[in-house]
PDB file of all heavy atoms in Angstrom:
ATOM      1  N   LEU A   1       0.835  -1.194   0.000  1.00  0.00           N
ATOM      2  CA  LEU A   1       0.000   0.000   0.000  1.00  0.00           C
ATOM      3  C   LEU A   1       0.866   1.238   0.000  1.00  0.00           C
ATOM      4  O   LEU A   1       1.934   1.280   0.616  1.00  0.00           O
ATOM      5  CB  LEU A   1      -0.908   0.009   1.236  1.00  0.00           C
ATOM      6  CG  LEU A   1      -1.923  -1.136   1.347  1.00  0.00           C
ATOM      7  CD1 LEU A   1      -2.646  -1.056   2.680  1.00  0.00           C
ATOM      8  CD2 LEU A   1      -2.904  -1.092   0.198  1.00  0.00           C
ATOM      9  N   THR A   2       0.401   2.242  -0.681  1.00  0.00           N
ATOM     10  CA  THR A   2       1.125   3.506  -0.702  1.00  0.00           C
ATOM     11  C   THR A   2       0.797   4.297   0.549  1.00  0.00           C
ATOM     12  O   THR A   2      -0.067   3.933   1.333  1.00  0.00           O
ATOM     13  CB  THR A   2       0.738   4.312  -1.956  1.00  0.00           C
ATOM     14  OG1 THR A   2      -0.672   4.559  -1.923  1.00  0.00           O
ATOM     15  CG2 THR A   2       1.080   3.547  -3.222  1.00  0.00           C
ATOM     16  N   ASP A   3       1.509   5.400   0.761  1.00  0.00           N
ATOM     17  CA  ASP A   3       1.272   6.240   1.944  1.00  0.00           C
ATOM     18  C   ASP A   3      -0.133   6.826   1.930  1.00  0.00           C
ATOM     19  O   ASP A   3      -0.795   6.932   2.957  1.00  0.00           O
ATOM     20  CB  ASP A   3       2.312   7.367   1.998  1.00  0.00           C
ATOM     21  CG  ASP A   3       3.710   6.809   2.207  1.00  0.00           C
ATOM     22  OD1 ASP A   3       3.803   5.659   2.709  1.00  0.00           O
ATOM     23  OD2 ASP A   3       4.677   7.511   1.878  1.00  0.00           O
ATOM     24  N   GLU A   4      -0.595   7.208   0.728  1.00  0.00           N
ATOM     25  CA  GLU A   4      -1.928   7.800   0.633  1.00  0.00           C
ATOM     26  C   GLU A   4      -3.001   6.786   0.986  1.00  0.00           C
ATOM     27  O   GLU A   4      -3.977   7.080   1.664  1.00  0.00           O
ATOM     28  CB  GLU A   4      -2.162   8.340  -0.776  1.00  0.00           C
ATOM     29  CG  GLU A   4      -1.237   9.508  -1.139  1.00  0.00           C
ATOM     30  CD  GLU A   4      -1.492  10.002  -2.543  1.00  0.00           C
ATOM     31  OE1 GLU A   4      -2.322   9.368  -3.230  1.00  0.00           O
ATOM     32  OE2 GLU A   4      -0.879  11.002  -2.936  1.00  0.00           O
ATOM     33  N   THR A   5      -2.799   5.505   0.516  1.00  0.00           N
ATOM     34  CA  THR A   5      -3.779   4.466   0.820  1.00  0.00           C
ATOM     35  C   THR A   5      -3.817   4.173   2.308  1.00  0.00           C
ATOM     36  O   THR A   5      -4.878   4.005   2.901  1.00  0.00           O
ATOM     37  CB  THR A   5      -3.437   3.188   0.040  1.00  0.00           C
ATOM     38  OG1 THR A   5      -3.302   3.510  -1.341  1.00  0.00           O
ATOM     39  CG2 THR A   5      -4.526   2.146   0.222  1.00  0.00           C
ATOM     40  N   GLU A   6      -2.609   4.098   2.943  1.00  0.00           N
ATOM     41  CA  GLU A   6      -2.563   3.829   4.377  1.00  0.00           C
ATOM     42  C   GLU A   6      -3.212   4.948   5.173  1.00  0.00           C
ATOM     43  O   GLU A   6      -3.955   4.711   6.119  1.00  0.00           O
ATOM     44  CB  GLU A   6      -1.114   3.642   4.813  1.00  0.00           C
ATOM     45  CG  GLU A   6      -0.481   2.359   4.265  1.00  0.00           C
ATOM     46  CD  GLU A   6       0.958   2.214   4.720  1.00  0.00           C
ATOM     47  OE1 GLU A   6       1.436   3.148   5.376  1.00  0.00           O
ATOM     48  OE2 GLU A   6       1.568   1.179   4.420  1.00  0.00           O
ATOM     49  N   SER A   7      -2.922   6.192   4.812  1.00  0.00           N
ATOM     50  CA  SER A   7      -3.491   7.320   5.546  1.00  0.00           C
ATOM     51  C   SER A   7      -4.996   7.360   5.404  1.00  0.00           C
ATOM     52  O   SER A   7      -5.719   7.640   6.360  1.00  0.00           O
ATOM     53  CB  SER A   7      -2.880   8.634   5.054  1.00  0.00           C
ATOM     54  OG  SER A   7      -3.166   8.817   3.669  1.00  0.00           O
ATOM     55  N   SER A   8      -5.507   7.049   4.199  1.00  0.00           N
ATOM     56  CA  SER A   8      -6.952   7.066   4.009  1.00  0.00           C
ATOM     57  C   SER A   8      -7.625   5.953   4.801  1.00  0.00           C
ATOM     58  O   SER A   8      -8.680   6.134   5.392  1.00  0.00           O
ATOM     59  CB  SER A   8      -7.290   6.929   2.522  1.00  0.00           C
ATOM     60  OG  SER A   8      -6.798   5.693   2.019  1.00  0.00           O
ATOM     61  N   SER A   9      -6.975   4.758   4.828  1.00  0.00           N
ATOM     62  CA  SER A   9      -7.548   3.651   5.599  1.00  0.00           C
ATOM     63  C   SER A   9      -7.541   3.942   7.086  1.00  0.00           C
ATOM     64  O   SER A   9      -8.492   3.640   7.804  1.00  0.00           O
ATOM     65  CB  SER A   9      -6.775   2.361   5.316  1.00  0.00           C
ATOM     66  OG  SER A   9      -5.426   2.514   5.707  1.00  0.00           O
ATOM     67  N   LYS A  10      -6.428   4.568   7.586  1.00  0.00           N
ATOM     68  CA  LYS A  10      -6.382   4.927   8.999  1.00  0.00           C
ATOM     69  C   LYS A  10      -7.439   5.975   9.338  1.00  0.00           C
ATOM     70  O   LYS A  10      -8.047   5.933  10.393  1.00  0.00           O
ATOM     71  CB  LYS A  10      -4.992   5.453   9.359  1.00  0.00           C
ATOM     72  CG  LYS A  10      -3.913   4.373   9.343  1.00  0.00           C
ATOM     73  CD  LYS A  10      -2.564   4.964   9.710  1.00  0.00           C
ATOM     74  CE  LYS A  10      -1.476   3.905   9.705  1.00  0.00           C
ATOM     75  NZ  LYS A  10      -0.149   4.479  10.046  1.00  0.00           N
ATOM     76  N   GLY A  11      -7.628   6.943   8.408  1.00  0.00           N
ATOM     77  CA  GLY A  11      -8.643   7.962   8.643  1.00  0.00           C
ATOM     78  C   GLY A  11     -10.030   7.364   8.731  1.00  0.00           C
ATOM     79  O   GLY A  11     -10.844   7.760   9.568  1.00  0.00           O
ATOM     80  N   LYS A  12     -10.320   6.373   7.878  1.00  0.00           N
ATOM     81  CA  LYS A  12     -11.628   5.725   7.924  1.00  0.00           C
ATOM     82  C   LYS A  12     -11.814   4.960   9.220  1.00  0.00           C
ATOM     83  O   LYS A  12     -12.897   4.953   9.802  1.00  0.00           O
ATOM     84  CB  LYS A  12     -11.784   4.785   6.719  1.00  0.00           C
ATOM     85  CG  LYS A  12     -11.887   5.518   5.394  1.00  0.00           C
ATOM     86  CD  LYS A  12     -12.048   4.538   4.256  1.00  0.00           C
ATOM     87  CE  LYS A  12     -12.171   5.258   2.913  1.00  0.00           C
ATOM     88  NZ  LYS A  12     -12.309   4.310   1.794  1.00  0.00           N
ATOM     89  N   ASP A  13     -10.733   4.274   9.677  1.00  0.00           N
ATOM     90  CA  ASP A  13     -10.833   3.532  10.933  1.00  0.00           C
ATOM     91  C   ASP A  13     -11.117   4.469  12.096  1.00  0.00           C
ATOM     92  O   ASP A  13     -11.931   4.161  12.975  1.00  0.00           O
ATOM     93  CB  ASP A  13      -9.539   2.751  11.192  1.00  0.00           C
ATOM     94  CG  ASP A  13      -9.318   1.665  10.153  1.00  0.00           C
ATOM     95  OD1 ASP A  13     -10.304   1.267   9.514  1.00  0.00           O
ATOM     96  OD2 ASP A  13      -8.161   1.235   9.985  1.00  0.00           O
ATOM     97  N   LYS A  14     -10.423   5.644  12.128  1.00  0.00           N
ATOM     98  CA  LYS A  14     -10.663   6.600  13.203  1.00  0.00           C
ATOM     99  C   LYS A  14     -12.084   7.131  13.175  1.00  0.00           C
ATOM    100  O   LYS A  14     -12.720   7.303  14.212  1.00  0.00           O
ATOM    101  CB  LYS A  14      -9.675   7.762  13.096  1.00  0.00           C
ATOM    102  CG  LYS A  14      -8.244   7.367  13.450  1.00  0.00           C
ATOM    103  CD  LYS A  14      -7.333   8.566  13.369  1.00  0.00           C
ATOM    104  CE  LYS A  14      -5.898   8.176  13.733  1.00  0.00           C
ATOM    105  NZ  LYS A  14      -4.984   9.338  13.639  1.00  0.00           N
ATOM    106  N   GLU A  15     -12.613   7.398  11.968  1.00  0.00           N
ATOM    107  CA  GLU A  15     -13.977   7.892  11.862  1.00  0.00           C
ATOM    108  C   GLU A  15     -14.968   6.854  12.361  1.00  0.00           C
ATOM    109  O   GLU A  15     -15.939   7.176  13.039  1.00  0.00           O
ATOM    110  CB  GLU A  15     -14.286   8.264  10.407  1.00  0.00           C
ATOM    111  CG  GLU A  15     -13.517   9.508   9.932  1.00  0.00           C
ATOM    112  CD  GLU A  15     -13.814   9.800   8.483  1.00  0.00           C
ATOM    113  OE1 GLU A  15     -14.558   9.010   7.872  1.00  0.00           O
ATOM    114  OE2 GLU A  15     -13.301  10.808   7.966  1.00  0.00           O
ATOM    115  N   GLU A  16     -14.722   5.557  12.024  1.00  0.00           N
ATOM    116  CA  GLU A  16     -15.624   4.515  12.485  1.00  0.00           C
ATOM    117  C   GLU A  16     -15.582   4.391  14.003  1.00  0.00           C
ATOM    118  O   GLU A  16     -16.607   4.208  14.653  1.00  0.00           O
ATOM    119  CB  GLU A  16     -15.243   3.183  11.828  1.00  0.00           C
ATOM    120  CG  GLU A  16     -15.515   3.152  10.326  1.00  0.00           C
ATOM    121  CD  GLU A  16     -15.070   1.851   9.700  1.00  0.00           C
ATOM    122  OE1 GLU A  16     -14.497   1.018  10.439  1.00  0.00           O
ATOM    123  OE2 GLU A  16     -15.289   1.651   8.501  1.00  0.00           O
ATOM    124  N   GLN A  17     -14.345   4.469  14.591  1.00  0.00           N
ATOM    125  CA  GLN A  17     -14.239   4.388  16.049  1.00  0.00           C
ATOM    126  C   GLN A  17     -14.938   5.562  16.715  1.00  0.00           C
ATOM    127  O   GLN A  17     -15.603   5.410  17.726  1.00  0.00           O
ATOM    128  CB  GLN A  17     -12.775   4.347  16.458  1.00  0.00           C
ATOM    129  CG  GLN A  17     -12.063   3.066  16.032  1.00  0.00           C
ATOM    130  CD  GLN A  17     -10.596   3.090  16.402  1.00  0.00           C
ATOM    131  OE1 GLN A  17     -10.109   4.071  16.973  1.00  0.00           O
ATOM    132  NE2 GLN A  17      -9.882   2.024  16.094  1.00  0.00           N
ATOM    133  N   THR A  18     -14.770   6.759  16.138  1.00  0.00           N
ATOM    134  CA  THR A  18     -15.392   7.945  16.718  1.00  0.00           C
ATOM    135  C   THR A  18     -16.908   7.849  16.681  1.00  0.00           C
ATOM    136  O   THR A  18     -17.601   8.172  17.646  1.00  0.00           O
ATOM    137  CB  THR A  18     -14.930   9.208  15.983  1.00  0.00           C
ATOM    138  OG1 THR A  18     -13.489   9.263  16.011  1.00  0.00           O
ATOM    139  CG2 THR A  18     -15.505  10.458  16.623  1.00  0.00           C
ATOM    140  N   SER A  19     -17.436   7.377  15.546  1.00  0.00           N
ATOM    141  CA  SER A  19     -18.888   7.249  15.434  1.00  0.00           C
ATOM    142  C   SER A  19     -19.422   6.191  16.388  1.00  0.00           C
ATOM    143  O   SER A  19     -20.486   6.340  16.976  1.00  0.00           O
ATOM    144  CB  SER A  19     -19.269   6.885  13.988  1.00  0.00           C
ATOM    145  OG  SER A  19     -18.677   5.643  13.626  1.00  0.00           O
ATOM    146  N   THR A  20     -18.628   5.094  16.582  1.00  0.00           N
ATOM    147  CA  THR A  20     -19.050   4.056  17.517  1.00  0.00           C
ATOM    148  C   THR A  20     -19.076   4.567  18.944  1.00  0.00           C
ATOM    149  O   THR A  20     -20.003   4.296  19.706  1.00  0.00           O
ATOM    150  CB  THR A  20     -18.110   2.843  17.419  1.00  0.00           C
ATOM    151  OG1 THR A  20     -18.073   2.394  16.063  1.00  0.00           O
ATOM    152  CG2 THR A  20     -18.602   1.715  18.321  1.00  0.00           C
ATOM    153  N   GLN A  21     -18.039   5.352  19.312  1.00  0.00           N
ATOM    154  CA  GLN A  21     -18.012   5.919  20.653  1.00  0.00           C
ATOM    155  C   GLN A  21     -19.113   6.937  20.867  1.00  0.00           C
ATOM    156  O   GLN A  21     -19.681   7.042  21.943  1.00  0.00           O
ATOM    157  CB  GLN A  21     -16.654   6.580  20.916  1.00  0.00           C
ATOM    158  CG  GLN A  21     -15.506   5.576  20.957  1.00  0.00           C
ATOM    159  CD  GLN A  21     -14.172   6.260  21.127  1.00  0.00           C
ATOM    160  OE1 GLN A  21     -14.107   7.489  21.168  1.00  0.00           O
ATOM    161  NE2 GLN A  21     -13.105   5.485  21.216  1.00  0.00           N
ATOM    162  N   ALA A  22     -19.422   7.704  19.820  1.00  0.00           N
ATOM    163  CA  ALA A  22     -20.476   8.702  19.957  1.00  0.00           C
ATOM    164  C   ALA A  22     -21.842   8.047  20.107  1.00  0.00           C
ATOM    165  O   ALA A  22     -22.714   8.549  20.819  1.00  0.00           O
ATOM    166  CB  ALA A  22     -20.470   9.641  18.747  1.00  0.00           C
ATOM    167  N   GLU A  23     -22.043   6.884  19.437  1.00  0.00           N
ATOM    168  CA  GLU A  23     -23.322   6.217  19.510  1.00  0.00           C
ATOM    169  C   GLU A  23     -23.488   5.428  20.805  1.00  0.00           C
ATOM    170  O   GLU A  23     -24.584   5.057  21.177  1.00  0.00           O
ATOM    171  CB  GLU A  23     -23.481   5.262  18.318  1.00  0.00           C
ATOM    172  CG  GLU A  23     -23.570   6.004  16.978  1.00  0.00           C
ATOM    173  CD  GLU A  23     -23.590   5.039  15.822  1.00  0.00           C
ATOM    174  OE1 GLU A  23     -23.492   3.812  16.079  1.00  0.00           O
ATOM    175  OE2 GLU A  23     -23.704   5.488  14.673  1.00  0.00           O
ATOM    176  N   LYS A  24     -22.369   5.133  21.512  1.00  0.00           N
ATOM    177  CA  LYS A  24     -22.448   4.342  22.731  1.00  0.00           C
ATOM    178  C   LYS A  24     -23.130   5.140  23.828  1.00  0.00           C
ATOM    179  O   LYS A  24     -22.681   6.203  24.203  1.00  0.00           O
ATOM    180  CB  LYS A  24     -21.044   3.941  23.175  1.00  0.00           C
ATOM    181  CG  LYS A  24     -21.048   3.005  24.364  1.00  0.00           C
ATOM    182  CD  LYS A  24     -19.641   2.609  24.722  1.00  0.00           C
ATOM    183  CE  LYS A  24     -19.634   1.683  25.934  1.00  0.00           C
ATOM    184  NZ  LYS A  24     -18.255   1.280  26.301  1.00  0.00           N
ATOM    185  N   PRO A  25     -24.234   4.656  24.373  1.00  0.00           N
ATOM    186  CA  PRO A  25     -24.929   5.416  25.422  1.00  0.00           C
ATOM    187  C   PRO A  25     -24.153   5.393  26.713  1.00  0.00           C
ATOM    188  O   PRO A  25     -23.439   4.452  27.028  1.00  0.00           O
ATOM    189  CB  PRO A  25     -26.273   4.673  25.549  1.00  0.00           C
ATOM    190  CG  PRO A  25     -25.967   3.285  25.095  1.00  0.00           C
ATOM    191  CD  PRO A  25     -24.914   3.405  24.028  1.00  0.00           C
ATOM    192  N   ARG A  26     -24.325   6.445  27.493  1.00  0.00           N
ATOM    193  CA  ARG A  26     -23.651   6.567  28.777  1.00  0.00           C
ATOM    194  C   ARG A  26     -24.455   5.859  29.850  1.00  0.00           C
ATOM    195  O   ARG A  26     -25.662   5.948  29.899  1.00  0.00           O
ATOM    196  CB  ARG A  26     -23.489   8.046  29.140  1.00  0.00           C
ATOM    197  CG  ARG A  26     -22.762   8.273  30.478  1.00  0.00           C
ATOM    198  CD  ARG A  26     -22.711   9.736  30.807  1.00  0.00           C
ATOM    199  NE  ARG A  26     -22.137   9.960  32.111  1.00  0.00           N
ATOM    200  CZ  ARG A  26     -22.025  11.150  32.687  1.00  0.00           C
ATOM    201  NH1 ARG A  26     -22.465  12.216  32.044  1.00  0.00           N
ATOM    202  NH2 ARG A  26     -21.477  11.274  33.874  1.00  0.00           N
ATOM    203  N   ASP A  27     -23.727   5.122  30.683  1.00  0.00           N
ATOM    204  CA  ASP A  27     -24.370   4.414  31.782  1.00  0.00           C
ATOM    205  C   ASP A  27     -24.601   5.392  32.921  1.00  0.00           C
ATOM    206  O   ASP A  27     -23.679   5.820  33.594  1.00  0.00           O
ATOM    207  CB  ASP A  27     -23.466   3.262  32.240  1.00  0.00           C
ATOM    208  CG  ASP A  27     -24.155   2.371  33.259  1.00  0.00           C
ATOM    209  OD1 ASP A  27     -25.348   2.623  33.538  1.00  0.00           O
ATOM    210  OD2 ASP A  27     -23.512   1.443  33.766  1.00  0.00           O
TER     211      ASP A  27
END
């Protein structure tokens, strides 16, 4: 993978984690 591909994949992973954390309800 090129640097651009790796950076884009990492960015997508961070966005998915952020959305998952935002959707997680607080106890």
